[in-house]
Amino acid sequence: VMVVSSEQNYDNLEAVRQSKVLALLPKPFTRQDLHRALIATIEYINPDELDLDLYDIDNIRVLIVDDSRMARKHLSRVMQQIGITNITEAVDGLDARNIIEAHAFDLILTDYNMPNMDGEALVSYIRNESDLSHVP
């Protein structure tokens, strides 16, 4: 899970860091910032679990969670620029939770401050409560 946030309060972000988020991407961000965050995420993966020769970028499933339509569109555009096209969007953590219950994702990008269910609660749900049995 990667968290995208404009949050400036270190105390609020510390809870997110402690929830085993692999990358924290500050808003606004550039394509290079996203690239660094994706590399940090990939480097965390055990090399035995990742065979890049067999990995097809067209099959990467991404969920973008943000209450800002503009931010979702920006993230989608940046992902498409690097070749990722299988993108689903959610308007907040609650919407994302419902989508996650029905579909598997390789990468989830979530905002921190959102109504109904914020990014911290979503990350906690993903880590502790979601049923990942449908993940291939």
C-alpha atoms as a PDB file:
ATOM      1  CA  VAL A   1       0.000   0.000   0.000  1.00  0.00           C
ATOM      2  CA  MET A   2       1.233   3.467  -0.889  1.00  0.00           C
ATOM      3  CA  VAL A   3      -0.291   6.509   0.815  1.00  0.00           C
ATOM      4  CA  VAL A   4      -0.587   9.828  -1.019  1.00  0.00           C
ATOM      5  CA  SER A   5      -1.104  12.780   1.295  1.00  0.00           C
ATOM      6  CA  SER A   6      -0.949  16.535   1.638  1.00  0.00           C
ATOM      7  CA  GLU A   7      -0.848  16.046   5.422  1.00  0.00           C
ATOM      8  CA  GLN A   8       1.925  18.144   6.979  1.00  0.00           C
ATOM      9  CA  ASN A   9       1.513  17.088  10.622  1.00  0.00           C
ATOM     10  CA  TYR A  10       4.254  14.580  11.465  1.00  0.00           C
ATOM     11  CA  ASP A  11       2.221  13.035  14.308  1.00  0.00           C
ATOM     12  CA  ASN A  12      -0.650  12.191  11.960  1.00  0.00           C
ATOM     13  CA  LEU A  13       1.699  10.644   9.411  1.00  0.00           C
ATOM     14  CA  GLU A  14       3.575   8.618  12.025  1.00  0.00           C
ATOM     15  CA  ALA A  15       0.502   6.438  12.588  1.00  0.00           C
ATOM     16  CA  VAL A  16       0.451   5.735   8.841  1.00  0.00           C
ATOM     17  CA  ARG A  17       4.159   4.869   8.819  1.00  0.00           C
ATOM     18  CA  GLN A  18       3.642   2.476  11.728  1.00  0.00           C
ATOM     19  CA  SER A  19       0.894   0.648   9.827  1.00  0.00           C
ATOM     20  CA  LYS A  20       3.495  -0.866   7.477  1.00  0.00           C
ATOM     21  CA  VAL A  21       2.787   1.399   4.522  1.00  0.00           C
ATOM     22  CA  LEU A  22       5.501   0.748   1.946  1.00  0.00           C
ATOM     23  CA  ALA A  23       5.655   4.273   0.540  1.00  0.00           C
ATOM     24  CA  LEU A  24       4.386   7.689   1.526  1.00  0.00           C
ATOM     25  CA  LEU A  25       4.018  10.107  -1.387  1.00  0.00           C
ATOM     26  CA  PRO A  26       3.505  13.803  -0.578  1.00  0.00           C
ATOM     27  CA  LYS A  27       1.095  15.957  -2.588  1.00  0.00           C
ATOM     28  CA  PRO A  28       1.747  17.582  -4.942  1.00  0.00           C
ATOM     29  CA  PHE A  29       4.105  15.133  -6.599  1.00  0.00           C
ATOM     30  CA  THR A  30       5.856  14.738  -9.899  1.00  0.00           C
ATOM     31  CA  ARG A  31       6.294  11.716 -12.126  1.00  0.00           C
ATOM     32  CA  GLN A  32       9.813  11.376 -10.661  1.00  0.00           C
ATOM     33  CA  ASP A  33       8.401  11.386  -7.092  1.00  0.00           C
ATOM     34  CA  LEU A  34       5.969   8.602  -8.049  1.00  0.00           C
ATOM     35  CA  HIS A  35       8.801   6.682  -9.687  1.00  0.00           C
ATOM     36  CA  ARG A  36      10.891   6.870  -6.473  1.00  0.00           C
ATOM     37  CA  ALA A  37       7.918   5.736  -4.378  1.00  0.00           C
ATOM     38  CA  LEU A  38       7.247   2.795  -6.726  1.00  0.00           C
ATOM     39  CA  ILE A  39      10.932   1.800  -6.620  1.00  0.00           C
ATOM     40  CA  ALA A  40      10.867   1.937  -2.802  1.00  0.00           C
ATOM     41  CA  THR A  41       7.799  -0.296  -2.858  1.00  0.00           C
ATOM     42  CA  ILE A  42       9.324  -2.774  -5.308  1.00  0.00           C
ATOM     43  CA  GLU A  43      12.615  -2.909  -3.366  1.00  0.00           C
ATOM     44  CA  TYR A  44      10.650  -4.053  -0.315  1.00  0.00           C
ATOM     45  CA  ILE A  45       9.392  -7.107  -2.158  1.00  0.00           C
ATOM     46  CA  ASN A  46      11.466 -10.236  -1.689  1.00  0.00           C
ATOM     47  CA  PRO A  47      13.447 -10.797  -4.917  1.00  0.00           C
ATOM     48  CA  ASP A  48      12.303 -14.440  -4.917  1.00  0.00           C
ATOM     49  CA  GLU A  49       8.700 -13.220  -5.178  1.00  0.00           C
ATOM     50  CA  LEU A  50       9.337 -10.906  -8.113  1.00  0.00           C
ATOM     51  CA  ASP A  51      10.439 -12.198 -11.497  1.00  0.00           C
ATOM     52  CA  LEU A  52      10.446  -9.134 -13.727  1.00  0.00           C
ATOM     53  CA  ASP A  53      10.945 -11.218 -16.890  1.00  0.00           C
ATOM     54  CA  LEU A  54       7.514 -12.752 -16.340  1.00  0.00           C
ATOM     55  CA  TYR A  55       5.821  -9.538 -15.168  1.00  0.00           C
ATOM     56  CA  ASP A  56       3.486  -7.834 -17.617  1.00  0.00           C
ATOM     57  CA  ILE A  57       2.820  -4.176 -16.753  1.00  0.00           C
ATOM     58  CA  ASP A  58      -0.483  -4.422 -18.634  1.00  0.00           C
ATOM     59  CA  ASN A  59      -1.751  -6.785 -15.939  1.00  0.00           C
ATOM     60  CA  ILE A  60      -0.954  -4.578 -12.928  1.00  0.00           C
ATOM     61  CA  ARG A  61      -4.196  -3.800 -11.101  1.00  0.00           C
ATOM     62  CA  VAL A  62      -4.179  -0.427  -9.336  1.00  0.00           C
ATOM     63  CA  LEU A  63      -6.751   1.089  -7.007  1.00  0.00           C
ATOM     64  CA  ILE A  64      -6.593   4.871  -6.564  1.00  0.00           C
ATOM     65  CA  VAL A  65      -8.423   6.171  -3.489  1.00  0.00           C
ATOM     66  CA  ASP A  66      -8.895   9.918  -3.064  1.00  0.00           C
ATOM     67  CA  ASP A  67     -11.848  12.155  -2.327  1.00  0.00           C
ATOM     68  CA  SER A  68     -10.547  14.682  -4.841  1.00  0.00           C
ATOM     69  CA  ARG A  69     -11.625  13.868  -8.391  1.00  0.00           C
ATOM     70  CA  MET A  70      -8.794  16.047  -9.640  1.00  0.00           C
ATOM     71  CA  ALA A  71      -6.215  14.102  -7.609  1.00  0.00           C
ATOM     72  CA  ARG A  72      -7.608  10.765  -8.844  1.00  0.00           C
ATOM     73  CA  LYS A  73      -7.386  11.945 -12.451  1.00  0.00           C
ATOM     74  CA  HIS A  74      -3.825  13.200 -11.917  1.00  0.00           C
ATOM     75  CA  LEU A  75      -2.745   9.894 -10.372  1.00  0.00           C
ATOM     76  CA  SER A  76      -4.433   7.972 -13.186  1.00  0.00           C
ATOM     77  CA  ARG A  77      -2.665  10.091 -15.803  1.00  0.00           C
ATOM     78  CA  VAL A  78       0.725   9.565 -14.166  1.00  0.00           C
ATOM     79  CA  MET A  79       0.146   5.809 -13.928  1.00  0.00           C
ATOM     80  CA  GLN A  80      -0.909   5.688 -17.582  1.00  0.00           C
ATOM     81  CA  GLN A  81       2.247   7.577 -18.559  1.00  0.00           C
ATOM     82  CA  ILE A  82       4.334   4.746 -17.120  1.00  0.00           C
ATOM     83  CA  GLY A  83       2.228   2.125 -18.889  1.00  0.00           C
ATOM     84  CA  ILE A  84      -0.262   1.111 -16.206  1.00  0.00           C
ATOM     85  CA  THR A  85      -3.804   1.121 -17.583  1.00  0.00           C
ATOM     86  CA  ASN A  86      -5.808  -1.273 -15.367  1.00  0.00           C
ATOM     87  CA  ILE A  87      -6.911   1.404 -12.890  1.00  0.00           C
ATOM     88  CA  THR A  88      -9.940   1.497 -10.603  1.00  0.00           C
ATOM     89  CA  GLU A  89     -10.933   4.590  -8.628  1.00  0.00           C
ATOM     90  CA  ALA A  90     -12.611   4.980  -5.237  1.00  0.00           C
ATOM     91  CA  VAL A  91     -13.898   8.245  -3.729  1.00  0.00           C
ATOM     92  CA  ASP A  92     -12.962   7.432  -0.126  1.00  0.00           C
ATOM     93  CA  GLY A  93     -11.839   4.601   2.122  1.00  0.00           C
ATOM     94  CA  LEU A  94     -15.343   3.196   2.530  1.00  0.00           C
ATOM     95  CA  ASP A  95     -15.812   3.013  -1.228  1.00  0.00           C
ATOM     96  CA  ALA A  96     -12.364   1.404  -1.526  1.00  0.00           C
ATOM     97  CA  ARG A  97     -13.200  -1.178   1.142  1.00  0.00           C
ATOM     98  CA  ASN A  98     -16.282  -2.242  -0.815  1.00  0.00           C
ATOM     99  CA  ILE A  99     -14.244  -2.498  -4.024  1.00  0.00           C
ATOM    100  CA  ILE A 100     -11.436  -4.453  -2.310  1.00  0.00           C
ATOM    101  CA  GLU A 101     -13.957  -6.968  -0.998  1.00  0.00           C
ATOM    102  CA  ALA A 102     -14.805  -7.872  -4.612  1.00  0.00           C
ATOM    103  CA  HIS A 103     -11.521  -7.369  -6.476  1.00  0.00           C
ATOM    104  CA  ALA A 104      -7.793  -7.949  -5.996  1.00  0.00           C
ATOM    105  CA  PHE A 105      -5.171  -5.234  -6.560  1.00  0.00           C
ATOM    106  CA  ASP A 106      -1.419  -5.240  -6.964  1.00  0.00           C
ATOM    107  CA  LEU A 107      -1.051  -1.642  -5.790  1.00  0.00           C
ATOM    108  CA  ILE A 108      -3.314   0.631  -3.786  1.00  0.00           C
ATOM    109  CA  LEU A 109      -2.657   4.380  -3.743  1.00  0.00           C
ATOM    110  CA  THR A 110      -4.656   6.126  -1.052  1.00  0.00           C
ATOM    111  CA  ASP A 111      -5.051   9.640   0.231  1.00  0.00           C
ATOM    112  CA  TYR A 112      -4.746  10.164   3.984  1.00  0.00           C
ATOM    113  CA  ASN A 113      -7.479  12.731   4.735  1.00  0.00           C
ATOM    114  CA  MET A 114     -10.865  11.608   3.394  1.00  0.00           C
ATOM    115  CA  PRO A 115     -14.465  11.564   4.618  1.00  0.00           C
ATOM    116  CA  ASN A 116     -16.278   8.385   5.739  1.00  0.00           C
ATOM    117  CA  MET A 117     -13.063   6.336   6.100  1.00  0.00           C
ATOM    118  CA  ASP A 118      -9.628   7.973   6.011  1.00  0.00           C
ATOM    119  CA  GLY A 119      -6.407   6.503   4.656  1.00  0.00           C
ATOM    120  CA  GLU A 120      -5.199   5.296   8.042  1.00  0.00           C
ATOM    121  CA  ALA A 121      -8.410   3.322   8.637  1.00  0.00           C
ATOM    122  CA  LEU A 122      -8.252   1.928   5.096  1.00  0.00           C
ATOM    123  CA  VAL A 123      -4.669   0.742   5.542  1.00  0.00           C
ATOM    124  CA  SER A 124      -5.617  -0.827   8.863  1.00  0.00           C
ATOM    125  CA  TYR A 125      -8.547  -2.612   7.183  1.00  0.00           C
ATOM    126  CA  ILE A 126      -6.333  -3.897   4.375  1.00  0.00           C
ATOM    127  CA  ARG A 127      -3.664  -5.136   6.784  1.00  0.00           C
ATOM    128  CA  ASN A 128      -5.906  -6.626   9.454  1.00  0.00           C
ATOM    129  CA  GLU A 129      -9.415  -7.318   8.209  1.00  0.00           C
ATOM    130  CA  SER A 130      -9.599  -7.699   4.458  1.00  0.00           C
ATOM    131  CA  ASP A 131     -10.115 -11.143   3.007  1.00  0.00           C
ATOM    132  CA  LEU A 132      -7.327 -11.604   0.529  1.00  0.00           C
ATOM    133  CA  SER A 133      -8.401 -15.126  -0.399  1.00  0.00           C
ATOM    134  CA  HIS A 134      -9.532 -13.869  -3.814  1.00  0.00           C
ATOM    135  CA  VAL A 135      -6.018 -12.631  -4.592  1.00  0.00           C
ATOM    136  CA  PRO A 136      -4.431 -14.785  -7.291  1.00  0.00           C
END
